[in-house]
Amino acid sequence: MRKEACEFQGVPQDVKEKGLLKDLVTELLRDDESYMELSRYFVVFGNGLFLRPIGVVRHGYGDDFIRRSLTGVEGVVEVFEEYMDGLRGIDGFSHLILISLLHNVTREQRGVLVVRPRRLVMFGVEPSELPEVGVFATDSPHRPNPVGLSVVRLVDRDGRFLRVSGLDLFDGTPVLDIKPYTPDRSVRVEDLGLPDWYVRLWRRVGGVV
């Protein structure tokens, strides 16, 4: 085998020693298009923790259609083959929790800390009525760490493909984790507390609290 081919089975030692790999990654992260593409496949933390998507959302609907959907759509969560064993015992759960990477969120949007809860507009609230609140008081995708949490219904399973309904994620969204929705996670309605601004707007559109 040629020497050059052997060197690229791993990271060449001289690349490590000279810091060239770090320089390359740094340059890629400066470019918005490259950054968006890299974020589809992995998340790396400074402490060495490495997150790689375990699957991807497939449904074929456009982004605008998903944004306008009140109840989500039916689609498939394709779990990558190397993680298929992680699905053992999942059959029979009616609902699943999907932890996803909202990879279309830009760097500028990750810097947003105060937003208007615009999802309520879909229920009939006028934009002018929406208060400005902290991003952590909303489910806005624009947040420092664009991680999504979705509760979906498990319709059926075909091997490593989970057909689900209630998907509110864009087609191609990377899935970081899947958890079953179990009774111990439920909050009784009588125990549910909401801030005044949310109660006022929810009642404004006929919601019951």
Protein backbone atom coordinates (compact mmCIF):
# COMPACT_ATOMS: atom_id res chain seq x y z
CA MET A 1 0.00 0.00 0.00
CA ARG A 2 1.29 3.48 -0.80
CA LYS A 3 2.64 5.54 2.08
CA GLU A 4 0.20 8.39 1.34
CA ALA A 5 -2.79 6.04 1.62
CA CYS A 6 -1.56 4.69 4.96
CA GLU A 7 -1.19 8.18 6.40
CA PHE A 8 -4.81 9.09 5.77
CA GLN A 9 -6.32 6.11 7.57
CA GLY A 10 -6.10 8.39 10.59
CA VAL A 11 -4.96 11.95 11.24
CA PRO A 12 -1.30 12.25 10.17
CA GLN A 13 1.02 12.92 13.09
CA ASP A 14 2.51 16.06 11.55
CA VAL A 15 -0.98 17.52 11.12
CA LYS A 16 -1.59 17.02 14.85
CA GLU A 17 1.78 18.42 15.87
CA LYS A 18 1.48 21.55 13.72
CA GLY A 19 -2.12 22.19 14.75
CA LEU A 20 -3.24 22.14 11.11
CA LEU A 21 -6.37 20.15 11.86
CA LYS A 22 -7.48 22.71 14.45
CA ASP A 23 -6.79 25.52 11.97
CA LEU A 24 -8.86 23.74 9.31
CA VAL A 25 -11.82 23.22 11.62
CA THR A 26 -11.60 26.82 12.82
CA GLU A 27 -11.74 28.07 9.24
CA LEU A 28 -14.71 25.83 8.44
CA LEU A 29 -16.61 27.14 11.46
CA ARG A 30 -16.06 30.74 10.33
CA ASP A 31 -17.88 30.09 7.06
CA ASP A 32 -21.66 30.05 7.60
CA GLU A 33 -22.38 27.52 4.85
CA SER A 34 -19.71 25.11 6.10
CA TYR A 35 -20.85 25.61 9.68
CA MET A 36 -24.43 24.72 8.78
CA GLU A 37 -23.30 21.58 6.95
CA LEU A 38 -21.03 20.44 9.80
CA SER A 39 -23.82 20.97 12.33
CA ARG A 40 -25.90 18.34 10.52
CA TYR A 41 -23.49 15.61 11.54
CA PHE A 42 -21.93 16.31 14.90
CA VAL A 43 -21.78 18.49 17.97
CA VAL A 44 -18.47 18.75 19.81
CA PHE A 45 -18.01 20.17 23.29
CA GLY A 46 -14.83 21.58 24.78
CA ASN A 47 -14.68 18.89 27.46
CA GLY A 48 -14.31 16.19 24.83
CA LEU A 49 -17.96 15.14 24.76
CA PHE A 50 -18.92 14.25 21.21
CA LEU A 51 -22.53 14.05 20.06
CA ARG A 52 -23.44 12.50 16.75
CA PRO A 53 -27.01 12.24 15.48
CA ILE A 54 -28.51 8.77 15.86
CA GLY A 55 -31.08 9.34 13.13
CA VAL A 56 -32.85 11.80 10.88
CA VAL A 57 -36.42 13.00 10.26
CA ARG A 58 -38.02 12.19 6.90
CA HIS A 59 -41.41 13.42 5.67
CA GLY A 60 -40.97 15.45 2.48
CA TYR A 61 -42.97 18.53 3.55
CA GLY A 62 -41.53 22.00 3.04
CA ASP A 63 -40.32 24.12 5.96
CA ASP A 64 -43.13 26.68 5.60
CA PHE A 65 -45.75 23.92 5.70
CA ILE A 66 -44.28 22.65 8.99
CA ARG A 67 -44.19 26.17 10.44
CA ARG A 68 -47.91 26.60 9.73
CA SER A 69 -48.96 23.18 11.02
CA LEU A 70 -50.86 23.20 14.31
CA THR A 71 -50.73 19.46 14.95
CA GLY A 72 -47.61 18.42 13.06
CA VAL A 73 -47.34 15.88 10.26
CA GLU A 74 -46.86 12.16 9.84
CA GLY A 75 -43.39 11.02 8.88
CA VAL A 76 -40.54 8.67 9.63
CA VAL A 77 -37.65 8.82 12.05
CA GLU A 78 -34.88 6.88 10.35
CA VAL A 79 -32.53 5.51 13.00
CA PHE A 80 -29.06 4.85 11.60
CA GLU A 81 -28.18 1.18 11.32
CA GLU A 82 -25.42 1.22 13.93
CA TYR A 83 -27.96 2.32 16.56
CA MET A 84 -30.73 -0.15 15.66
CA ASP A 85 -30.16 -2.28 18.79
CA GLY A 86 -31.10 0.78 20.83
CA LEU A 87 -34.71 0.33 19.66
CA ARG A 88 -35.23 -2.97 21.47
CA GLY A 89 -38.35 -2.77 23.64
CA ILE A 90 -39.64 0.45 22.11
CA ASP A 91 -42.64 -1.28 20.51
CA GLY A 92 -45.81 -0.69 22.51
CA PHE A 93 -45.04 2.83 23.69
CA SER A 94 -47.69 5.15 22.30
CA HIS A 95 -45.57 8.31 22.40
CA LEU A 96 -41.89 9.13 22.07
CA ILE A 97 -39.77 12.13 22.99
CA LEU A 98 -37.42 13.25 20.23
CA ILE A 99 -34.36 15.32 21.09
CA SER A 100 -33.20 17.02 17.91
CA LEU A 101 -30.61 19.45 16.60
CA LEU A 102 -32.31 22.46 14.97
CA HIS A 103 -29.59 22.71 12.36
CA ASN A 104 -31.15 25.56 10.34
CA VAL A 105 -30.76 28.04 13.20
CA THR A 106 -28.10 30.60 12.28
CA ARG A 107 -25.35 31.90 14.52
CA GLU A 108 -27.13 35.25 14.78
CA GLN A 109 -30.34 33.50 15.87
CA ARG A 110 -28.39 31.59 18.52
CA GLY A 111 -27.55 34.94 20.09
CA VAL A 112 -31.22 35.82 20.65
CA LEU A 113 -32.28 35.90 24.32
CA VAL A 114 -35.55 37.86 24.18
CA VAL A 115 -38.37 36.87 21.79
CA ARG A 116 -42.10 37.12 21.24
CA PRO A 117 -43.86 33.71 21.55
CA ARG A 118 -45.00 33.75 17.91
CA ARG A 119 -46.42 30.23 17.97
CA LEU A 120 -49.49 31.72 19.66
CA VAL A 121 -50.22 33.65 16.44
CA MET A 122 -51.22 30.31 14.90
CA PHE A 123 -54.02 30.13 17.46
CA GLY A 124 -55.34 33.60 16.66
CA VAL A 125 -53.33 35.92 18.89
CA GLU A 126 -52.42 39.20 17.17
CA PRO A 127 -48.65 39.77 16.91
CA SER A 128 -49.10 43.15 18.62
CA GLU A 129 -50.47 41.35 21.69
CA LEU A 130 -47.40 39.20 22.18
CA PRO A 131 -45.14 40.25 25.06
CA GLU A 132 -41.36 40.16 24.91
CA VAL A 133 -40.13 37.35 27.14
CA GLY A 134 -36.93 35.43 27.68
CA VAL A 135 -36.23 32.65 25.20
CA PHE A 136 -36.22 30.09 28.02
CA ALA A 137 -39.87 30.93 28.69
CA THR A 138 -40.78 29.86 25.13
CA ASP A 139 -40.21 27.02 22.68
CA SER A 140 -38.66 29.34 20.10
CA PRO A 141 -36.03 27.58 17.94
CA HIS A 142 -33.86 30.70 18.21
CA ARG A 143 -31.83 30.02 21.35
CA PRO A 144 -28.18 29.68 22.41
CA ASN A 145 -28.25 25.89 22.02
CA PRO A 146 -30.75 25.05 19.25
CA VAL A 147 -31.93 21.74 20.69
CA GLY A 148 -35.50 20.70 19.98
CA LEU A 149 -37.83 18.58 22.11
CA SER A 150 -40.85 17.01 20.42
CA VAL A 151 -43.48 14.57 21.68
CA VAL A 152 -44.76 12.38 18.83
CA ARG A 153 -47.10 9.41 18.55
CA LEU A 154 -45.48 6.12 17.52
CA VAL A 155 -47.70 4.74 14.73
CA ASP A 156 -45.64 1.67 13.90
CA ARG A 157 -42.10 0.42 13.49
CA ASP A 158 -40.41 -1.26 10.56
CA GLY A 159 -36.98 -2.30 11.76
CA ARG A 160 -35.01 0.89 12.28
CA PHE A 161 -37.73 3.09 10.77
CA LEU A 162 -40.23 4.62 13.18
CA ARG A 163 -43.41 5.96 11.62
CA VAL A 164 -44.72 8.74 13.83
CA SER A 165 -47.38 11.46 13.79
CA GLY A 166 -47.32 14.93 15.29
CA LEU A 167 -43.88 15.78 13.86
CA ASP A 168 -43.07 19.49 14.13
CA LEU A 169 -39.51 19.16 12.81
CA PHE A 170 -38.20 20.07 9.37
CA ASP A 171 -37.42 17.34 6.86
CA GLY A 172 -33.80 16.27 7.34
CA THR A 173 -33.57 17.36 10.99
CA PRO A 174 -30.88 15.36 12.83
CA VAL A 175 -32.17 13.39 15.83
CA LEU A 176 -29.82 13.27 18.82
CA ASP A 177 -31.84 10.98 21.08
CA ILE A 178 -35.14 9.14 21.48
CA LYS A 179 -36.87 8.50 24.81
CA PRO A 180 -40.22 6.87 25.62
CA TYR A 181 -42.95 9.06 27.05
CA THR A 182 -43.93 7.33 30.30
CA PRO A 183 -46.57 8.08 33.00
CA ASP A 184 -43.97 9.31 35.47
CA ARG A 185 -43.29 12.24 33.11
CA SER A 186 -46.91 13.39 33.08
CA VAL A 187 -48.13 16.48 34.91
CA ARG A 188 -51.74 16.43 36.13
CA VAL A 189 -53.78 19.32 34.74
CA GLU A 190 -54.70 20.46 38.25
CA ASP A 191 -50.98 20.73 39.09
CA LEU A 192 -50.07 22.70 35.99
CA GLY A 193 -49.04 26.29 36.66
CA LEU A 194 -48.70 29.00 34.01
CA PRO A 195 -47.51 32.64 34.15
CA ASP A 196 -50.14 35.39 33.91
CA TRP A 197 -49.04 36.54 30.45
CA TYR A 198 -49.53 33.04 29.03
CA VAL A 199 -52.90 32.48 30.76
CA ARG A 200 -54.18 35.79 29.41
CA LEU A 201 -53.22 34.97 25.82
CA TRP A 202 -54.42 31.36 26.02
CA ARG A 203 -57.82 32.43 27.27
CA ARG A 204 -57.88 35.09 24.59
CA VAL A 205 -58.03 32.30 21.95
CA GLY A 206 -60.55 30.21 23.86
CA GLY A 207 -58.12 27.92 25.62
CA VAL A 208 -59.01 26.41 28.97
CA VAL A 209 -56.58 26.50 31.88
